[in-house]
Each structure stands twice: as C-alpha cells, then as structure tokens.
Amino acid sequence: MAYGAHRSPFLPPHPDLTLARDCEQCLGWGTVVTRDGDHELCRMCQPSPDDENTAGSTS
C-alpha cells in the first residue's frame, strides 16, 4: 500500500512572477490558496483574461 499526497489532475496556474514581486496579498508567489485548497492567480497582481479583453474597448 502506498502512502503520500495524491496528484492533482489539474495543473496550477502559471503566474507572472515579475508582477508578483512586491505584492502583499500573495507575498510574491503570484497565486493564493482558496479554502478548498485550490491554487488561483492572485487578484491583486495578476491580470485576469477578462482584463485583457476589456483593455482595448472604450465605453
């Protein structure tokens, strides 16, 4: 019987560490851990895909 951590079928997000360097929310990691134990990109320093889509539009 093998013991140890189970491998997650999902890969963690890949943050831009240059943006995360001085972030106080994620402490420079670029990701935060949710209550469910999942890794998510830090909302304070990492741009979301929605930000890129709305950056070029004017209202």
Protein backbone atom coordinates (compact mmCIF):
# COMPACT_ATOMS: atom_id res chain seq x y z
CA MET A 1 0.00 0.00 0.00
CA ALA A 2 1.42 3.39 -0.98
CA TYR A 3 1.07 6.47 1.17
CA GLY A 4 1.55 10.07 0.20
CA ALA A 5 -0.03 13.04 -1.47
CA HIS A 6 -2.41 12.48 -4.34
CA ARG A 7 -1.52 14.09 -7.63
CA SER A 8 -3.98 16.70 -8.76
CA PRO A 9 -5.33 16.14 -12.27
CA PHE A 10 -5.23 19.91 -12.80
CA LEU A 11 -2.09 21.95 -13.27
CA PRO A 12 -1.72 25.03 -11.08
CA PRO A 13 -1.93 28.43 -12.79
CA HIS A 14 1.29 29.98 -14.06
CA PRO A 15 1.69 33.48 -12.60
CA ASP A 16 3.93 36.25 -13.87
CA LEU A 17 6.47 36.46 -11.04
CA THR A 18 7.72 39.89 -12.10
CA LEU A 19 4.24 41.29 -11.41
CA ALA A 20 4.04 39.39 -8.10
CA ARG A 21 7.41 40.52 -6.75
CA ASP A 22 6.13 43.28 -4.40
CA CYS A 23 2.58 42.01 -3.84
CA GLU A 24 1.49 41.91 -0.21
CA GLN A 25 -1.51 39.67 -0.93
CA CYS A 26 0.37 36.67 -2.34
CA LEU A 27 3.80 37.52 -0.88
CA GLY A 28 5.45 37.32 -4.28
CA TRP A 29 4.14 33.89 -5.28
CA GLY A 30 1.53 35.12 -7.76
CA THR A 31 -1.02 32.60 -6.53
CA VAL A 32 -3.22 32.23 -3.47
CA VAL A 33 -4.74 29.09 -1.95
CA THR A 34 -8.51 29.01 -1.64
CA ARG A 35 -10.46 27.49 1.23
CA ASP A 36 -10.91 24.38 -0.92
CA GLY A 37 -7.14 24.03 -1.27
CA ASP A 38 -7.04 25.11 -4.91
CA HIS A 39 -4.42 27.50 -6.28
CA GLU A 40 -5.73 30.60 -8.03
CA LEU A 41 -3.94 33.55 -9.56
CA CYS A 42 -3.67 36.48 -7.17
CA ARG A 43 -6.35 39.06 -7.98
CA MET A 44 -4.17 41.90 -6.72
CA CYS A 45 -1.16 41.48 -9.00
CA GLN A 46 -2.09 39.08 -11.82
CA PRO A 47 -4.22 40.26 -14.73
CA SER A 48 -7.24 38.10 -15.47
CA PRO A 49 -8.16 37.08 -19.04
CA ASP A 50 -11.19 39.39 -18.75
CA ASP A 51 -8.87 42.37 -18.18
CA GLU A 52 -7.12 41.74 -21.48
CA ASN A 53 -10.40 41.59 -23.40
CA THR A 54 -11.75 44.84 -21.96
CA ALA A 55 -8.48 46.78 -22.12
CA GLY A 56 -8.94 47.75 -25.76
CA SER A 57 -12.63 48.60 -25.60
CA THR A 58 -13.93 52.07 -24.86
CA SER A 59 -17.34 52.81 -23.41
